[in-house]
Amino acid sequence: MNRFGLQLRQCGCGQIVDHAAGQVRLAPERDSAAGLAWRTGDGDYRHIGAAPPGAQTIPPTIEDGYLLLIGDGARAGIG
Protein backbone atom coordinates (compact mmCIF):
# COMPACT_ATOMS: atom_id res chain seq x y z
CA MET A 1 0.00 0.00 0.00
CA ASN A 2 1.36 3.43 -0.82
CA ARG A 3 0.31 7.00 -0.28
CA PHE A 4 1.69 9.89 -2.30
CA GLY A 5 4.17 7.46 -3.82
CA LEU A 6 5.57 6.32 -0.46
CA GLN A 7 5.38 2.67 0.57
CA LEU A 8 3.35 2.57 3.79
CA ARG A 9 2.82 -1.11 4.25
CA GLN A 10 3.13 -4.33 2.34
CA CYS A 11 0.10 -6.47 2.99
CA GLY A 12 -2.64 -8.42 1.29
CA CYS A 13 -6.31 -7.55 0.93
CA GLY A 14 -7.29 -9.86 3.79
CA GLN A 15 -4.87 -8.11 6.13
CA ILE A 16 -6.33 -4.72 5.21
CA VAL A 17 -9.85 -5.98 5.99
CA ASP A 18 -8.63 -7.59 9.23
CA HIS A 19 -7.14 -4.25 10.30
CA ALA A 20 -10.68 -2.79 10.46
CA ALA A 21 -12.25 -5.70 12.38
CA GLY A 22 -14.23 -4.42 15.37
CA GLN A 23 -14.00 -0.81 14.17
CA VAL A 24 -17.00 -0.52 11.83
CA ARG A 25 -20.58 0.08 12.89
CA LEU A 26 -23.91 1.43 11.63
CA ALA A 27 -26.10 3.82 13.60
CA PRO A 28 -29.12 6.02 12.89
CA GLU A 29 -27.26 9.13 14.17
CA ARG A 30 -23.79 10.55 13.46
CA ASP A 31 -21.27 9.86 16.24
CA SER A 32 -18.86 12.80 16.40
CA ALA A 33 -16.31 10.59 18.18
CA ALA A 34 -15.99 8.33 15.11
CA GLY A 35 -12.85 8.69 13.04
CA LEU A 36 -14.88 8.87 9.83
CA ALA A 37 -18.59 8.58 9.11
CA TRP A 38 -20.93 8.96 6.18
CA ARG A 39 -24.61 8.39 5.47
CA THR A 40 -25.38 5.19 3.58
CA GLY A 41 -28.08 4.67 0.97
CA ASP A 42 -30.26 3.16 3.70
CA GLY A 43 -30.09 6.38 5.76
CA ASP A 44 -27.85 5.01 8.52
CA TYR A 45 -24.39 6.37 9.28
CA ARG A 46 -21.42 4.09 8.70
CA HIS A 47 -18.77 4.84 11.33
CA ILE A 48 -15.17 3.66 11.23
CA GLY A 49 -12.68 4.03 14.04
CA ALA A 50 -12.59 2.91 17.65
CA ALA A 51 -16.06 1.72 18.62
CA PRO A 52 -17.48 2.80 21.98
CA PRO A 53 -17.94 0.10 24.63
CA GLY A 54 -20.94 -2.11 23.88
CA ALA A 55 -21.30 -0.93 20.28
CA GLN A 56 -22.57 -3.49 17.77
CA THR A 57 -19.90 -3.76 15.05
CA ILE A 58 -20.35 -5.09 11.52
CA PRO A 59 -17.98 -6.89 9.16
CA PRO A 60 -15.53 -4.44 7.57
CA THR A 61 -14.83 -3.98 3.88
CA ILE A 62 -11.46 -3.44 2.26
CA GLU A 63 -12.37 0.24 1.93
CA ASP A 64 -12.88 0.51 5.70
CA GLY A 65 -9.46 -0.99 6.33
CA TYR A 66 -7.81 1.24 3.76
CA LEU A 67 -9.36 4.40 5.26
CA LEU A 68 -8.16 3.36 8.72
CA LEU A 69 -4.66 2.66 7.44
CA ILE A 70 -4.26 6.00 5.70
CA GLY A 71 -5.61 7.74 8.81
CA ASP A 72 -5.51 11.52 8.91
CA GLY A 73 -5.06 11.70 5.15
CA ALA A 74 -8.57 10.32 4.72
CA ARG A 75 -10.06 12.89 7.10
CA ALA A 76 -8.25 15.75 5.37
CA GLY A 77 -9.93 14.87 2.07
CA ILE A 78 -13.46 15.05 3.47
CA GLY A 79 -15.04 18.48 3.18
C-alpha atoms as a PDB file:
ATOM      1  CA  MET A   1       0.000   0.000   0.000  1.00  0.00           C
ATOM      2  CA  ASN A   2       1.357   3.427  -0.819  1.00  0.00           C
ATOM      3  CA  ARG A   3       0.313   6.996  -0.278  1.00  0.00           C
ATOM      4  CA  PHE A   4       1.693   9.890  -2.298  1.00  0.00           C
ATOM      5  CA  GLY A   5       4.171   7.455  -3.823  1.00  0.00           C
ATOM      6  CA  LEU A   6       5.569   6.317  -0.463  1.00  0.00           C
ATOM      7  CA  GLN A   7       5.379   2.669   0.566  1.00  0.00           C
ATOM      8  CA  LEU A   8       3.349   2.571   3.787  1.00  0.00           C
ATOM      9  CA  ARG A   9       2.822  -1.112   4.250  1.00  0.00           C
ATOM     10  CA  GLN A  10       3.132  -4.329   2.340  1.00  0.00           C
ATOM     11  CA  CYS A  11       0.101  -6.474   2.988  1.00  0.00           C
ATOM     12  CA  GLY A  12      -2.639  -8.422   1.292  1.00  0.00           C
ATOM     13  CA  CYS A  13      -6.306  -7.548   0.930  1.00  0.00           C
ATOM     14  CA  GLY A  14      -7.290  -9.861   3.788  1.00  0.00           C
ATOM     15  CA  GLN A  15      -4.874  -8.110   6.133  1.00  0.00           C
ATOM     16  CA  ILE A  16      -6.333  -4.723   5.207  1.00  0.00           C
ATOM     17  CA  VAL A  17      -9.853  -5.980   5.991  1.00  0.00           C
ATOM     18  CA  ASP A  18      -8.627  -7.587   9.232  1.00  0.00           C
ATOM     19  CA  HIS A  19      -7.143  -4.255  10.302  1.00  0.00           C
ATOM     20  CA  ALA A  20     -10.677  -2.791  10.465  1.00  0.00           C
ATOM     21  CA  ALA A  21     -12.252  -5.698  12.383  1.00  0.00           C
ATOM     22  CA  GLY A  22     -14.230  -4.422  15.366  1.00  0.00           C
ATOM     23  CA  GLN A  23     -14.000  -0.813  14.165  1.00  0.00           C
ATOM     24  CA  VAL A  24     -17.004  -0.523  11.828  1.00  0.00           C
ATOM     25  CA  ARG A  25     -20.584   0.081  12.888  1.00  0.00           C
ATOM     26  CA  LEU A  26     -23.905   1.430  11.635  1.00  0.00           C
ATOM     27  CA  ALA A  27     -26.105   3.822  13.597  1.00  0.00           C
ATOM     28  CA  PRO A  28     -29.118   6.024  12.892  1.00  0.00           C
ATOM     29  CA  GLU A  29     -27.262   9.128  14.166  1.00  0.00           C
ATOM     30  CA  ARG A  30     -23.793  10.550  13.459  1.00  0.00           C
ATOM     31  CA  ASP A  31     -21.273   9.857  16.237  1.00  0.00           C
ATOM     32  CA  SER A  32     -18.863  12.800  16.405  1.00  0.00           C
ATOM     33  CA  ALA A  33     -16.313  10.585  18.182  1.00  0.00           C
ATOM     34  CA  ALA A  34     -15.987   8.326  15.113  1.00  0.00           C
ATOM     35  CA  GLY A  35     -12.846   8.691  13.037  1.00  0.00           C
ATOM     36  CA  LEU A  36     -14.883   8.872   9.825  1.00  0.00           C
ATOM     37  CA  ALA A  37     -18.593   8.577   9.109  1.00  0.00           C
ATOM     38  CA  TRP A  38     -20.933   8.955   6.178  1.00  0.00           C
ATOM     39  CA  ARG A  39     -24.609   8.388   5.469  1.00  0.00           C
ATOM     40  CA  THR A  40     -25.376   5.190   3.585  1.00  0.00           C
ATOM     41  CA  GLY A  41     -28.075   4.673   0.971  1.00  0.00           C
ATOM     42  CA  ASP A  42     -30.263   3.164   3.700  1.00  0.00           C
ATOM     43  CA  GLY A  43     -30.086   6.376   5.759  1.00  0.00           C
ATOM     44  CA  ASP A  44     -27.847   5.008   8.518  1.00  0.00           C
ATOM     45  CA  TYR A  45     -24.389   6.366   9.285  1.00  0.00           C
ATOM     46  CA  ARG A  46     -21.415   4.094   8.698  1.00  0.00           C
ATOM     47  CA  HIS A  47     -18.767   4.844  11.326  1.00  0.00           C
ATOM     48  CA  ILE A  48     -15.170   3.657  11.231  1.00  0.00           C
ATOM     49  CA  GLY A  49     -12.681   4.025  14.038  1.00  0.00           C
ATOM     50  CA  ALA A  50     -12.586   2.914  17.648  1.00  0.00           C
ATOM     51  CA  ALA A  51     -16.057   1.718  18.625  1.00  0.00           C
ATOM     52  CA  PRO A  52     -17.482   2.805  21.980  1.00  0.00           C
ATOM     53  CA  PRO A  53     -17.944   0.100  24.627  1.00  0.00           C
ATOM     54  CA  GLY A  54     -20.941  -2.107  23.880  1.00  0.00           C
ATOM     55  CA  ALA A  55     -21.303  -0.932  20.275  1.00  0.00           C
ATOM     56  CA  GLN A  56     -22.566  -3.491  17.768  1.00  0.00           C
ATOM     57  CA  THR A  57     -19.903  -3.763  15.052  1.00  0.00           C
ATOM     58  CA  ILE A  58     -20.354  -5.088  11.524  1.00  0.00           C
ATOM     59  CA  PRO A  59     -17.978  -6.890   9.160  1.00  0.00           C
ATOM     60  CA  PRO A  60     -15.534  -4.438   7.568  1.00  0.00           C
ATOM     61  CA  THR A  61     -14.826  -3.977   3.881  1.00  0.00           C
ATOM     62  CA  ILE A  62     -11.457  -3.442   2.264  1.00  0.00           C
ATOM     63  CA  GLU A  63     -12.368   0.243   1.933  1.00  0.00           C
ATOM     64  CA  ASP A  64     -12.884   0.515   5.702  1.00  0.00           C
ATOM     65  CA  GLY A  65      -9.460  -0.990   6.330  1.00  0.00           C
ATOM     66  CA  TYR A  66      -7.808   1.239   3.758  1.00  0.00           C
ATOM     67  CA  LEU A  67      -9.355   4.396   5.262  1.00  0.00           C
ATOM     68  CA  LEU A  68      -8.165   3.361   8.725  1.00  0.00           C
ATOM     69  CA  LEU A  69      -4.658   2.660   7.437  1.00  0.00           C
ATOM     70  CA  ILE A  70      -4.262   6.004   5.698  1.00  0.00           C
ATOM     71  CA  GLY A  71      -5.608   7.738   8.815  1.00  0.00           C
ATOM     72  CA  ASP A  72      -5.515  11.524   8.908  1.00  0.00           C
ATOM     73  CA  GLY A  73      -5.056  11.696   5.148  1.00  0.00           C
ATOM     74  CA  ALA A  74      -8.573  10.320   4.721  1.00  0.00           C
ATOM     75  CA  ARG A  75     -10.059  12.889   7.098  1.00  0.00           C
ATOM     76  CA  ALA A  76      -8.247  15.754   5.374  1.00  0.00           C
ATOM     77  CA  GLY A  77      -9.931  14.872   2.075  1.00  0.00           C
ATOM     78  CA  ILE A  78     -13.459  15.048   3.472  1.00  0.00           C
ATOM     79  CA  GLY A  79     -15.044  18.482   3.182  1.00  0.00           C
END
